[in-house]
């Protein structure tokens, strides 16, 4: 048994500089994947949509696995959402990136669903110890 107590009872510490830079890099990479996916999904409709959503899922799951925390999955998801939301706005010249078709809506809603799913199933903090059940 350890004397550390519950993980919920421990105070939160700000991330180290290296971890902060890793989160920032994952955020920026998520923004790049969101911008690239918004172009690819319309260009190659059925396959491009699947490729864009799979790349987002891979980035979020890979970020969570690399950092070993949910923050590693949330950072690229947040970057993806910020980039895609900014790309949905029309410019003063009348240009816009997303059309009114079903593929664009599938990309927006499916991408947000993928981001939430990946952030939810990301690795959380586990207590140090064996994999055995408690009390056994």
Foldseek 3Di string as FASTA:
>chain_A
DDPPDDPVPDDDDDDDPVVVVLLVVLLQVLLVLLVVLLQQCVVPPPVSLVVSLVVLLCSLQVLLVVVVALSRNLSSLNSNLVNNVVQQDADPVRDGRDDPDPSSVCSNVVSNVSSVVSSVPRHHDDDPDDPDDPPD
